[in-house]
Protein backbone atom coordinates (compact mmCIF):
# COMPACT_ATOMS: atom_id res chain seq x y z
CA UNK A 1 -19.01 -41.71 18.75
CA UNK A 2 -20.18 -45.30 19.07
CA UNK A 3 -23.28 -46.57 17.37
CA UNK A 4 -26.21 -48.02 19.24
CA UNK A 5 -28.51 -50.72 17.96
CA UNK A 6 -29.06 -52.00 14.47
CA UNK A 7 -31.60 -53.57 12.17
CA UNK A 8 -31.82 -56.14 9.41
CA UNK A 9 -31.86 -53.32 6.84
CA UNK A 10 -28.50 -52.08 8.12
CA UNK A 11 -29.91 -48.96 9.79
CA UNK A 12 -27.90 -48.06 12.92
CA UNK A 13 -27.96 -45.16 15.34
CA UNK A 14 -24.87 -43.13 16.15
CA UNK A 15 -22.63 -40.52 14.60
CA UNK A 16 -19.95 -43.02 13.57
CA UNK A 17 -22.32 -45.03 11.38
CA UNK A 18 -24.12 -42.01 9.92
CA UNK A 19 -21.39 -39.41 9.56
CA UNK A 20 -21.69 -38.87 5.75
CA UNK A 21 -25.36 -37.89 6.01
CA UNK A 22 -24.70 -35.98 9.23
CA UNK A 23 -21.93 -33.96 7.57
CA UNK A 24 -24.12 -33.31 4.52
CA UNK A 25 -26.89 -31.97 6.76
CA UNK A 26 -24.39 -29.70 8.53
CA UNK A 27 -23.41 -28.21 5.16
CA UNK A 28 -27.04 -27.77 4.12
CA UNK A 29 -27.88 -26.05 7.38
CA UNK A 30 -25.00 -23.65 6.80
CA UNK A 31 -26.78 -22.60 3.62
CA UNK A 32 -30.04 -22.29 5.58
CA UNK A 33 -28.31 -19.98 8.06
CA UNK A 34 -26.71 -17.99 5.27
CA UNK A 35 -30.18 -17.13 3.96
CA UNK A 36 -30.86 -15.28 7.22
CA UNK A 37 -27.37 -13.79 7.28
CA UNK A 38 -27.95 -11.84 4.05
CA UNK A 39 -30.51 -9.76 5.97
CA UNK A 40 -28.91 -9.17 9.36
CA UNK A 41 -26.85 -6.12 8.40
CA UNK A 42 -28.29 -4.56 5.25
CA UNK A 43 -32.06 -5.05 5.18
CA UNK A 44 -32.93 -2.70 8.09
CA UNK A 45 -30.67 -0.10 6.46
CA UNK A 46 -32.42 -0.62 3.10
CA UNK A 47 -35.67 0.31 4.82
CA UNK A 48 -34.22 3.52 6.27
CA UNK A 49 -31.93 4.66 3.46
CA UNK A 50 -33.61 3.43 0.25
CA UNK A 51 -37.30 3.39 1.17
CA UNK A 52 -37.05 6.36 3.59
CA UNK A 53 -39.14 4.70 6.31
CA UNK A 54 -39.29 6.92 9.38
CA UNK A 55 -40.95 4.51 11.84
CA UNK A 56 -38.77 1.93 13.58
CA UNK A 57 -41.83 -0.27 14.09
CA UNK A 58 -42.50 -0.28 10.33
CA UNK A 59 -38.85 -0.98 9.54
CA UNK A 60 -38.82 -4.09 11.74
CA UNK A 61 -42.13 -5.32 10.26
CA UNK A 62 -40.14 -7.55 7.92
CA UNK A 63 -38.87 -9.46 10.97
CA UNK A 64 -42.42 -9.79 12.27
CA UNK A 65 -43.59 -11.38 9.00
CA UNK A 66 -40.61 -13.71 9.10
CA UNK A 67 -41.17 -14.66 12.73
CA UNK A 68 -44.91 -15.34 12.50
CA UNK A 69 -44.61 -17.43 9.34
CA UNK A 70 -41.58 -19.32 10.61
CA UNK A 71 -43.34 -20.08 13.88
CA UNK A 72 -46.35 -21.49 12.03
CA UNK A 73 -44.10 -23.46 9.66
CA UNK A 74 -42.31 -24.90 12.68
CA UNK A 75 -45.65 -25.89 14.21
CA UNK A 76 -46.64 -28.03 11.23
CA UNK A 77 -43.14 -29.21 10.29
CA UNK A 78 -43.09 -32.05 12.83
CA UNK A 79 -46.44 -33.42 11.67
CA UNK A 80 -45.42 -33.11 8.04
CA UNK A 81 -42.04 -34.71 8.74
CA UNK A 82 -43.74 -37.69 10.36
CA UNK A 83 -46.40 -37.99 7.64
CA UNK A 84 -44.44 -37.16 4.48
CA UNK A 85 -40.87 -37.87 5.51
CA UNK A 86 -38.13 -35.49 6.60
CA UNK A 87 -36.55 -35.12 3.15
CA UNK A 88 -39.73 -33.98 1.42
CA UNK A 89 -40.29 -31.24 3.98
CA UNK A 90 -36.62 -30.18 3.69
CA UNK A 91 -36.94 -29.85 -0.10
CA UNK A 92 -40.24 -27.97 0.24
CA UNK A 93 -38.48 -25.51 2.53
CA UNK A 94 -35.81 -24.86 -0.06
CA UNK A 95 -38.35 -24.38 -2.85
CA UNK A 96 -39.98 -21.67 -0.74
CA UNK A 97 -36.59 -20.04 -0.17
CA UNK A 98 -35.49 -19.85 -3.82
CA UNK A 99 -37.35 -16.60 -4.69
CA UNK A 100 -36.26 -14.73 -1.52
CA UNK A 101 -32.97 -13.13 -2.63
CA UNK A 102 -34.40 -12.15 -6.00
CA UNK A 103 -37.38 -10.45 -4.35
CA UNK A 104 -35.08 -8.43 -2.09
CA UNK A 105 -32.82 -7.47 -5.01
CA UNK A 106 -35.71 -6.31 -7.20
CA UNK A 107 -38.06 -5.00 -4.47
CA UNK A 108 -39.75 -1.76 -5.67
CA UNK A 109 -41.39 -1.23 -2.27
CA UNK A 110 -41.08 -2.36 1.36
CA UNK A 111 -44.07 -4.67 0.86
CA UNK A 112 -41.90 -6.87 -1.35
CA UNK A 113 -39.34 -7.19 1.43
CA UNK A 114 -42.09 -8.17 3.89
CA UNK A 115 -43.40 -10.77 1.42
CA UNK A 116 -39.89 -12.12 0.83
CA UNK A 117 -39.47 -12.59 4.55
CA UNK A 118 -42.72 -14.53 4.76
CA UNK A 119 -41.22 -16.98 2.24
CA UNK A 120 -37.96 -16.93 4.20
CA UNK A 121 -39.97 -17.94 7.27
CA UNK A 122 -41.27 -21.02 5.43
CA UNK A 123 -37.74 -21.81 4.27
CA UNK A 124 -36.33 -21.57 7.79
CA UNK A 125 -39.25 -23.28 9.49
CA UNK A 126 -39.14 -26.32 7.22
CA UNK A 127 -35.47 -26.57 6.25
CA UNK A 128 -33.84 -25.72 9.59
CA UNK A 129 -36.37 -27.84 11.52
CA UNK A 130 -35.69 -30.86 9.34
CA UNK A 131 -31.90 -30.57 9.51
CA UNK A 132 -31.93 -30.57 13.32
CA UNK A 133 -34.59 -33.29 13.59
CA UNK A 134 -32.75 -35.50 11.10
CA UNK A 135 -29.47 -35.13 12.99
CA UNK A 136 -31.20 -36.11 16.24
CA UNK A 137 -32.75 -39.08 14.42
CA UNK A 138 -29.34 -40.21 13.16
CA UNK A 139 -27.32 -40.06 16.39
CA UNK A 140 -29.89 -41.54 18.78
CA UNK A 141 -30.44 -40.60 22.42
CA UNK A 142 -26.85 -40.56 23.69
CA UNK A 143 -25.55 -37.56 21.73
CA UNK A 144 -28.44 -35.19 21.26
CA UNK A 145 -26.58 -32.21 22.70
CA UNK A 146 -23.66 -32.82 20.35
CA UNK A 147 -25.98 -33.19 17.35
CA UNK A 148 -27.83 -29.99 18.13
CA UNK A 149 -24.62 -28.11 18.91
CA UNK A 150 -23.07 -29.02 15.57
CA UNK A 151 -26.27 -28.20 13.68
CA UNK A 152 -26.62 -24.78 15.28
CA UNK A 153 -22.86 -24.18 14.92
CA UNK A 154 -23.12 -24.55 11.16
CA UNK A 155 -26.25 -22.46 10.81
CA UNK A 156 -25.24 -19.55 12.97
CA UNK A 157 -21.62 -19.47 11.83
CA UNK A 158 -23.07 -18.95 8.35
CA UNK A 159 -25.30 -16.19 9.76
CA UNK A 160 -22.26 -14.47 11.27
CA UNK A 161 -19.96 -14.84 8.28
CA UNK A 162 -22.66 -13.70 5.89
CA UNK A 163 -23.56 -10.73 8.10
CA UNK A 164 -19.94 -9.60 7.95
CA UNK A 165 -19.61 -10.18 4.21
CA UNK A 166 -22.80 -8.30 3.39
CA UNK A 167 -21.60 -5.33 5.45
CA UNK A 168 -18.26 -5.35 3.66
CA UNK A 169 -19.88 -5.67 0.24
CA UNK A 170 -22.45 -2.99 1.07
CA UNK A 171 -19.68 -0.50 1.87
CA UNK A 172 -17.99 -1.22 -1.45
CA UNK A 173 -20.98 -1.71 -3.77
CA UNK A 174 -24.09 -0.37 -1.99
CA UNK A 175 -26.89 -2.06 -0.09
CA UNK A 176 -28.31 -3.73 -3.21
CA UNK A 177 -27.88 -5.92 -5.24
CA UNK A 178 -24.32 -7.20 -4.71
CA UNK A 179 -24.57 -8.24 -1.01
CA UNK A 180 -27.73 -10.23 -1.75
CA UNK A 181 -26.04 -12.31 -4.47
CA UNK A 182 -24.72 -14.50 -1.65
CA UNK A 183 -28.31 -15.59 -0.98
CA UNK A 184 -28.77 -16.66 -4.59
CA UNK A 185 -25.85 -19.07 -4.25
CA UNK A 186 -27.06 -20.42 -0.90
CA UNK A 187 -30.56 -21.08 -2.20
CA UNK A 188 -29.44 -22.91 -5.32
CA UNK A 189 -26.83 -25.06 -3.55
CA UNK A 190 -29.16 -25.92 -0.67
CA UNK A 191 -31.93 -27.01 -3.02
CA UNK A 192 -29.70 -29.13 -5.25
CA UNK A 193 -27.98 -30.94 -2.38
CA UNK A 194 -31.27 -31.61 -0.60
CA UNK A 195 -32.90 -33.08 -3.71
CA UNK A 196 -29.97 -35.19 -4.90
CA UNK A 197 -28.07 -36.38 -1.82
CA UNK A 198 -30.17 -36.30 1.37
CA UNK A 199 -31.75 -39.58 2.55
CA UNK A 200 -34.77 -39.73 4.83
CA UNK A 201 -34.33 -40.73 8.50
CA UNK A 202 -37.72 -42.18 9.44
CA UNK A 203 -36.23 -45.69 9.64
CA UNK A 204 -33.83 -44.43 12.30
CA UNK A 205 -36.81 -43.20 14.32
CA UNK A 206 -38.52 -46.60 14.00
CA UNK A 207 -35.34 -48.32 15.21
CA UNK A 208 -35.01 -46.03 18.23
CA UNK A 209 -38.72 -46.40 19.05
CA UNK A 210 -38.50 -50.20 18.90
CA UNK A 211 -35.63 -50.21 21.39
CA UNK A 212 -37.11 -47.69 23.77
CA UNK A 213 -37.61 -48.81 27.36
CA UNK A 214 -41.24 -47.72 27.45
CA UNK A 215 -43.70 -47.39 24.62
CA UNK A 216 -45.71 -44.21 24.48
CA UNK A 217 -49.49 -44.12 24.42
CA UNK A 218 -50.87 -42.63 21.19
CA UNK A 219 -51.13 -38.86 21.51
CA UNK A 220 -52.95 -36.36 19.34
CA UNK A 221 -51.19 -33.24 18.16
CA UNK A 222 -53.47 -31.17 20.43
CA UNK A 223 -52.32 -33.21 23.43
CA UNK A 224 -48.67 -32.79 22.43
CA UNK A 225 -49.17 -29.04 21.91
CA UNK A 226 -50.72 -28.59 25.36
CA UNK A 227 -48.15 -30.83 27.05
CA UNK A 228 -45.18 -29.05 25.47
CA UNK A 229 -46.63 -25.56 25.98
CA UNK A 230 -48.09 -25.77 29.47
CA UNK A 231 -48.63 -29.29 30.81
CA UNK A 232 -45.11 -30.30 31.82
CA UNK A 233 -43.05 -27.91 33.96
CA UNK A 234 -39.78 -28.65 32.15
CA UNK A 235 -41.32 -28.28 28.70
CA UNK A 236 -43.05 -25.04 29.72
CA UNK A 237 -39.85 -23.61 31.19
CA UNK A 238 -37.91 -24.48 28.05
CA UNK A 239 -40.60 -23.15 25.70
CA UNK A 240 -40.83 -19.74 27.40
CA UNK A 241 -37.03 -19.47 27.50
CA UNK A 242 -36.88 -20.26 23.79
CA UNK A 243 -39.47 -17.57 23.06
CA UNK A 244 -37.55 -14.95 25.05
CA UNK A 245 -34.21 -16.00 23.56
CA UNK A 246 -35.49 -15.34 20.04
CA UNK A 247 -37.38 -12.28 21.25
CA UNK A 248 -34.05 -10.65 22.11
CA UNK A 249 -32.55 -11.98 18.86
CA UNK A 250 -35.40 -10.42 16.86
CA UNK A 251 -34.82 -7.14 18.69
CA UNK A 252 -31.10 -7.23 17.94
CA UNK A 253 -31.76 -8.06 14.27
CA UNK A 254 -33.96 -5.02 13.73
CA UNK A 255 -32.81 -2.49 16.33
CA UNK A 256 -29.04 -2.96 16.58
CA UNK A 257 -28.17 -1.75 13.03
CA UNK A 258 -30.37 1.34 13.50
CA UNK A 259 -28.99 1.96 17.01
CA UNK A 260 -25.38 1.72 15.85
CA UNK A 261 -26.05 3.83 12.75
CA UNK A 262 -27.63 6.56 14.91
CA UNK A 263 -24.15 7.13 16.38
CA UNK A 264 -22.66 7.46 12.89
CA UNK A 265 -21.08 3.99 12.75
CA UNK A 266 -20.21 2.92 9.18
CA UNK A 267 -21.99 -0.06 7.64
CA UNK A 268 -18.85 -2.24 7.56
CA UNK A 269 -18.34 -1.68 11.32
CA UNK A 270 -22.00 -2.48 11.89
CA UNK A 271 -21.36 -5.66 9.93
CA UNK A 272 -18.57 -6.60 12.34
CA UNK A 273 -20.82 -6.17 15.37
CA UNK A 274 -23.63 -8.09 13.70
CA UNK A 275 -21.20 -10.88 12.81
CA UNK A 276 -19.56 -11.28 16.22
CA UNK A 277 -22.73 -12.25 18.04
CA UNK A 278 -23.80 -15.20 15.80
CA UNK A 279 -20.20 -16.23 15.14
CA UNK A 280 -19.40 -16.60 18.87
CA UNK A 281 -22.78 -18.25 19.38
CA UNK A 282 -22.11 -20.79 16.62
CA UNK A 283 -18.51 -21.68 17.49
CA UNK A 284 -19.11 -22.16 21.21
CA UNK A 285 -22.08 -24.44 20.58
CA UNK A 286 -19.61 -27.12 19.50
CA UNK A 287 -18.58 -27.16 23.18
CA UNK A 288 -21.81 -26.25 24.96
CA UNK A 289 -23.88 -28.90 23.18
CA UNK A 290 -21.76 -31.83 24.43
CA UNK A 291 -21.36 -30.12 27.83
CA UNK A 292 -25.13 -30.18 28.22
CA UNK A 293 -24.98 -33.97 27.68
CA UNK A 294 -22.48 -34.21 30.57
CA UNK A 295 -23.53 -31.45 32.97
CA UNK A 296 -27.24 -31.30 32.29
CA UNK A 297 -29.34 -28.62 30.64
CA UNK A 298 -30.66 -26.39 33.43
CA UNK A 299 -27.48 -24.63 34.57
CA UNK A 300 -26.46 -23.75 31.04
CA UNK A 301 -29.93 -22.40 30.24
CA UNK A 302 -30.22 -20.24 33.35
CA UNK A 303 -26.64 -18.96 33.15
CA UNK A 304 -26.92 -18.33 29.44
CA UNK A 305 -30.08 -16.24 29.76
CA UNK A 306 -28.43 -14.10 32.42
CA UNK A 307 -25.25 -13.62 30.36
CA UNK A 308 -27.44 -12.52 27.43
CA UNK A 309 -29.19 -10.03 29.72
CA UNK A 310 -25.83 -8.58 30.76
CA UNK A 311 -24.76 -8.20 27.12
CA UNK A 312 -27.97 -6.38 26.22
CA UNK A 313 -27.73 -4.06 29.23
CA UNK A 314 -24.13 -3.17 28.35
CA UNK A 315 -25.01 -2.50 24.71
CA UNK A 316 -28.02 -0.33 25.50
CA UNK A 317 -26.24 1.68 28.20
CA UNK A 318 -23.12 2.61 26.19
CA UNK A 319 -22.25 4.57 23.07
CA UNK A 320 -18.85 3.29 21.87
CA UNK A 321 -17.83 0.54 19.50
CA UNK A 322 -15.57 -1.22 22.03
CA UNK A 323 -18.38 -1.58 24.59
CA UNK A 324 -20.79 -2.72 21.91
CA UNK A 325 -18.26 -5.33 20.85
CA UNK A 326 -18.08 -6.69 24.41
CA UNK A 327 -21.87 -6.67 24.57
CA UNK A 328 -22.04 -8.66 21.34
CA UNK A 329 -19.52 -11.17 22.71
CA UNK A 330 -21.61 -11.63 25.88
CA UNK A 331 -24.76 -12.03 23.83
CA UNK A 332 -23.06 -14.70 21.71
CA UNK A 333 -21.67 -16.55 24.74
CA UNK A 334 -25.02 -16.57 26.50
CA UNK A 335 -26.91 -17.75 23.44
CA UNK A 336 -24.38 -20.53 22.87
CA UNK A 337 -25.05 -21.77 26.40
CA UNK A 338 -28.80 -21.67 25.90
CA UNK A 339 -29.56 -22.73 22.34
CA UNK A 340 -28.47 -26.38 22.09
CA UNK A 341 -29.44 -27.00 25.71
CA UNK A 342 -33.03 -25.94 25.04
CA UNK A 343 -33.51 -28.21 22.04
CA UNK A 344 -31.81 -31.12 23.80
CA UNK A 345 -34.02 -30.56 26.88
CA UNK A 346 -37.14 -30.86 24.72
CA UNK A 347 -35.76 -34.07 23.20
CA UNK A 348 -34.98 -35.47 26.67
CA UNK A 349 -38.60 -35.07 27.73
CA UNK A 350 -40.18 -36.41 24.53
CA UNK A 351 -40.78 -39.98 23.42
CA UNK A 352 -39.20 -40.79 20.02
CA UNK A 353 -42.63 -41.46 18.53
CA UNK A 354 -43.75 -37.84 19.12
CA UNK A 355 -40.43 -36.05 19.57
CA UNK A 356 -40.57 -34.32 16.16
CA UNK A 357 -44.01 -32.90 16.96
CA UNK A 358 -42.92 -31.75 20.41
CA UNK A 359 -39.88 -30.06 18.88
CA UNK A 360 -42.14 -28.37 16.34
CA UNK A 361 -44.28 -26.95 19.16
CA UNK A 362 -41.19 -25.68 20.98
CA UNK A 363 -39.88 -24.12 17.78
CA UNK A 364 -43.29 -22.49 17.22
CA UNK A 365 -43.07 -20.68 20.55
CA UNK A 366 -39.37 -19.97 20.16
CA UNK A 367 -39.63 -18.35 16.73
CA UNK A 368 -42.79 -16.47 17.56
CA UNK A 369 -40.30 -14.53 19.69
CA UNK A 370 -38.87 -12.97 16.52
CA UNK A 371 -42.14 -11.20 15.79
CA UNK A 372 -42.86 -10.28 19.40
CA UNK A 373 -39.31 -9.00 19.96
CA UNK A 374 -39.13 -6.96 16.78
CA UNK A 375 -42.53 -5.31 17.18
CA UNK A 376 -42.28 -4.66 20.93
CA UNK A 377 -38.76 -3.26 20.56
CA UNK A 378 -39.90 -1.12 17.64
CA UNK A 379 -42.78 0.32 19.65
CA UNK A 380 -40.54 1.02 22.66
CA UNK A 381 -37.89 2.57 20.42
CA UNK A 382 -40.41 4.87 18.73
CA UNK A 383 -41.70 5.99 22.14
CA UNK A 384 -38.58 6.08 24.30
CA UNK A 385 -35.53 5.52 22.07
CA UNK A 386 -33.28 2.64 21.05
CA UNK A 387 -31.47 2.34 24.39
CA UNK A 388 -34.71 1.91 26.30
CA UNK A 389 -35.82 -0.83 23.90
CA UNK A 390 -32.56 -2.76 24.27
CA UNK A 391 -32.42 -2.50 28.06
CA UNK A 392 -36.10 -3.46 28.43
CA UNK A 393 -35.58 -6.63 26.41
CA UNK A 394 -32.49 -7.38 28.52
CA UNK A 395 -34.57 -7.18 31.71
CA UNK A 396 -37.15 -9.56 30.25
CA UNK A 397 -34.36 -11.99 29.36
CA UNK A 398 -33.13 -11.98 32.96
CA UNK A 399 -36.66 -12.72 34.23
CA UNK A 400 -36.98 -15.63 31.80
CA UNK A 401 -33.78 -17.18 33.18
CA UNK A 402 -35.20 -16.85 36.69
CA UNK A 403 -38.34 -18.74 35.60
CA UNK A 404 -36.18 -21.64 34.40
CA UNK A 405 -34.24 -21.58 37.68
CA UNK A 406 -37.46 -21.94 39.68
CA UNK A 407 -39.49 -24.35 37.54
CA UNK A 408 -37.15 -26.68 35.67
CA UNK A 409 -36.10 -30.03 37.14
CA UNK A 410 -32.84 -31.46 35.82
CA UNK A 411 -33.13 -34.76 34.00
CA UNK A 412 -30.54 -37.47 33.39
CA UNK A 413 -29.40 -36.06 30.07
CA UNK A 414 -27.42 -38.98 28.73
CA UNK A 415 -29.44 -41.97 29.85
CA UNK A 416 -30.45 -43.70 26.66
CA UNK A 417 -33.44 -45.51 28.09
CA UNK A 418 -34.59 -43.15 30.81
CA UNK A 419 -38.24 -43.67 31.59
CA UNK A 420 -38.48 -39.97 32.31
CA UNK A 421 -37.87 -39.29 28.66
CA UNK A 422 -40.56 -41.70 27.59
CA UNK A 423 -43.30 -40.24 29.70
CA UNK A 424 -42.94 -36.72 31.07
CA UNK A 425 -44.97 -35.90 34.13
CA UNK A 426 -47.94 -33.64 33.59
CA UNK A 427 -48.10 -31.09 36.39
């Protein structure tokens, strides 16, 4: 990938000139993803089997605490990254994540698990946000889809692999503590690498801003929040799709293990199903991210939401492992189409001087979906059963894709100096 631009200090944009830091950030984000992966298979089962919680809504409350805190951390991460520097916020995220695996291992009550997930939300909101923002800073405007695809590939491959490993370890050694030891290693390695080896990327932002075709008028965070949330039709379409995407992910995190276990499926087989979805999602993003640079974002977002909806409908309507496996594959394929395209679409419509803050607003809405999805699915499951919860969320996912199809206007995704990116139209 060719570089673009340069400065007297030797700062250049492009993957070729920044690959060591880019690769380091990919590794660090794999550890960030692994922190979530330790929970995907075993934690809902800990609530049912060890703490004897009878309410599905109460079991998934740990996801709600994670989602709300992560959303709020995302919301401030862009401002903090601009004010303090990306590296400091990354390190702060890891410091918040260090106690998480120990709290889950030693938890004497479900309240400890909920508190641990609040800290995990800070870890994910700060650390994951900074890894993706720093990669976008490094590569410049020509390869945003590729940068996001590789970032999300690393994170969600780690989610998938860790979900499988924790299921395997849980079958052999029990739900606690052995499967959670993986999180101890992730937290320590992520913190050490972030402190010792990561370099800040604010100079790359200054270089891109200086070479931008149009300079942006100063904007307050309130103005950026309103513009990203409601003021621009593309940004609104992307933000609601991000919320619904993570709404169905939050549902699958909390409901799928309980749904599969209700049919007598063993924990290692549940681990396989929980691993397939993020693993397919992560691997395919290596292709779908660059494809969004070439083909544009809209088609991949709309198609991906509808493929997700099909996977959820198939899962909720069937009762056999083979069908659930196909449903998990569809869910992974659809999410791979959507995820990098959404983040790249936000970057397309944002000026470099306020892009980090716009991304933080998008990530706020997107990760609020974890809490909304987990709680709404828990309430539906308690009232009508697991299948009804899964199919209902699938229907909502289809509607969200239709909203993108109607509202979103395609932008020139790979034009480095597009004036549309500098100043989105408020409608």
